[in-house]
């Protein structure tokens, strides 16, 4: 049976596979016919079901943790928010091309690549500062 670290890694790998398979779906392909049981549906329906299913079980997990009396620490809650923000950030990058990373939106604005590098550098820097503070 997989431990927590392995389960989280499996979730990340599955999400990566999902993105690889579905990132290039076009607007026209969203209307591709499919079935859901005996019901007629399309690819768009399954995209929305995928999101709804994740939300449903996120709430289910929160209920389960509460029922078990498991509460996150302040650090855990902050890291949860950090993970949520990262998911939002990564979601905004879906479908971009490598060329998009270097386009400058307006004079003086940072291109996407620079913003992403800044985020990575800041996370590393803040993470080190936190480690140093708690080890002192």
Protein backbone atom coordinates (compact mmCIF):
# COMPACT_ATOMS: atom_id res chain seq x y z
CA UNK A 1 0.00 0.00 0.00
CA UNK A 2 1.37 3.39 -0.98
CA UNK A 3 2.20 5.95 1.70
CA UNK A 4 1.19 9.61 1.61
CA UNK A 5 4.29 10.75 -0.27
CA UNK A 6 3.74 8.12 -2.94
CA UNK A 7 0.04 8.99 -3.23
CA UNK A 8 0.84 12.68 -3.73
CA UNK A 9 3.44 11.76 -6.37
CA UNK A 10 0.90 9.54 -8.13
CA UNK A 11 -1.58 12.42 -8.12
CA UNK A 12 1.03 14.76 -9.62
CA UNK A 13 1.99 12.22 -12.27
CA UNK A 14 -1.66 11.61 -13.18
CA UNK A 15 -2.30 15.36 -13.46
CA UNK A 16 0.75 15.65 -15.72
CA UNK A 17 -0.55 12.84 -17.94
CA UNK A 18 -3.99 14.47 -18.05
CA UNK A 19 -2.48 17.78 -19.13
CA UNK A 20 -0.33 16.08 -21.77
CA UNK A 21 -3.36 14.29 -23.23
CA UNK A 22 -5.84 17.17 -23.11
CA UNK A 23 -3.94 20.45 -23.50
CA UNK A 24 -4.29 20.54 -27.28
CA UNK A 25 -8.07 19.94 -27.41
CA UNK A 26 -9.55 22.62 -29.67
CA UNK A 27 -12.85 24.45 -29.32
CA UNK A 28 -14.29 22.34 -32.15
CA UNK A 29 -13.12 19.12 -30.48
CA UNK A 30 -14.95 20.12 -27.30
CA UNK A 31 -18.14 19.27 -29.21
CA UNK A 32 -16.95 15.76 -30.18
CA UNK A 33 -19.81 13.35 -29.41
CA UNK A 34 -19.53 10.85 -26.58
CA UNK A 35 -21.81 8.88 -24.32
CA UNK A 36 -22.23 8.91 -20.56
CA UNK A 37 -23.99 5.70 -19.72
CA UNK A 38 -26.95 5.79 -22.08
CA UNK A 39 -26.95 9.55 -22.31
CA UNK A 40 -25.55 11.54 -25.24
CA UNK A 41 -22.76 13.91 -24.26
CA UNK A 42 -19.66 15.52 -25.72
CA UNK A 43 -16.04 16.07 -24.75
CA UNK A 44 -16.94 19.36 -23.02
CA UNK A 45 -19.28 17.45 -20.68
CA UNK A 46 -16.39 15.24 -19.54
CA UNK A 47 -14.09 18.22 -19.01
CA UNK A 48 -16.68 19.72 -16.66
CA UNK A 49 -17.34 16.37 -14.96
CA UNK A 50 -13.59 16.04 -14.34
CA UNK A 51 -13.54 19.38 -12.49
CA UNK A 52 -16.78 18.68 -10.61
CA UNK A 53 -15.49 15.28 -9.50
CA UNK A 54 -12.30 16.79 -8.08
CA UNK A 55 -14.24 19.50 -6.23
CA UNK A 56 -16.72 16.94 -4.88
CA UNK A 57 -14.01 14.76 -3.42
CA UNK A 58 -12.00 17.70 -2.11
CA UNK A 59 -15.05 18.59 -0.01
CA UNK A 60 -15.43 14.91 0.91
CA UNK A 61 -11.81 14.81 2.08
CA UNK A 62 -12.26 18.00 4.14
CA UNK A 63 -15.30 16.41 5.81
CA UNK A 64 -13.33 13.23 6.49
CA UNK A 65 -10.41 15.12 8.03
CA UNK A 66 -12.82 17.07 10.23
CA UNK A 67 -14.58 13.88 11.34
CA UNK A 68 -11.22 12.33 12.23
CA UNK A 69 -10.26 15.40 14.24
CA UNK A 70 -7.31 16.12 11.97
CA UNK A 71 -6.56 19.83 11.75
CA UNK A 72 -3.73 21.37 9.79
CA UNK A 73 -1.11 23.49 11.49
CA UNK A 74 -0.72 27.16 10.54
CA UNK A 75 2.25 26.19 8.36
CA UNK A 76 0.13 23.46 6.75
CA UNK A 77 -2.69 25.91 6.01
CA UNK A 78 -0.25 28.38 4.46
CA UNK A 79 1.33 25.62 2.34
CA UNK A 80 -2.18 24.58 1.27
CA UNK A 81 -2.79 28.14 0.06
CA UNK A 82 0.58 28.11 -1.69
CA UNK A 83 -0.34 24.86 -3.47
CA UNK A 84 -3.71 26.30 -4.49
CA UNK A 85 -2.01 29.38 -5.92
CA UNK A 86 0.49 27.20 -7.79
CA UNK A 87 -2.34 25.18 -9.30
CA UNK A 88 -4.02 28.40 -10.44
CA UNK A 89 -0.73 29.62 -11.88
CA UNK A 90 -0.02 26.37 -13.71
CA UNK A 91 -3.56 26.35 -15.04
CA UNK A 92 -3.00 29.75 -16.64
CA UNK A 93 -0.01 28.32 -18.51
CA UNK A 94 -1.90 25.45 -20.14
CA UNK A 95 -1.82 25.77 -23.90
CA UNK A 96 0.86 28.47 -24.09
CA UNK A 97 3.70 28.04 -26.55
CA UNK A 98 7.40 28.51 -25.82
CA UNK A 99 7.22 31.68 -27.92
CA UNK A 100 4.46 33.05 -25.67
CA UNK A 101 6.89 32.93 -22.73
CA UNK A 102 9.03 35.71 -24.17
CA UNK A 103 6.37 38.05 -25.54
CA UNK A 104 6.31 41.44 -23.81
CA UNK A 105 2.75 42.69 -23.25
CA UNK A 106 3.66 46.38 -22.95
CA UNK A 107 6.74 48.57 -22.60
CA UNK A 108 8.31 47.94 -19.20
CA UNK A 109 6.20 44.84 -18.41
CA UNK A 110 7.82 41.51 -17.72
CA UNK A 111 7.33 38.65 -20.16
CA UNK A 112 5.84 35.44 -18.76
CA UNK A 113 9.23 33.70 -18.55
CA UNK A 114 10.62 36.46 -16.31
CA UNK A 115 7.59 36.32 -14.02
CA UNK A 116 7.95 32.53 -13.69
CA UNK A 117 11.69 32.75 -12.98
CA UNK A 118 10.99 35.43 -10.35
CA UNK A 119 8.39 33.19 -8.68
CA UNK A 120 10.86 30.27 -8.59
CA UNK A 121 13.67 32.41 -7.21
CA UNK A 122 11.44 33.98 -4.57
CA UNK A 123 10.14 30.58 -3.43
CA UNK A 124 13.70 29.29 -3.06
CA UNK A 125 14.77 32.42 -1.19
CA UNK A 126 11.80 32.51 1.19
CA UNK A 127 12.05 28.77 1.77
CA UNK A 128 15.71 29.10 2.79
CA UNK A 129 14.91 32.03 5.09
CA UNK A 130 12.18 30.01 6.81
CA UNK A 131 14.54 27.04 7.25
CA UNK A 132 17.28 29.27 8.67
CA UNK A 133 14.83 30.93 11.07
CA UNK A 134 13.46 27.68 12.48
CA UNK A 135 16.91 26.06 12.75
CA UNK A 136 18.38 29.02 14.66
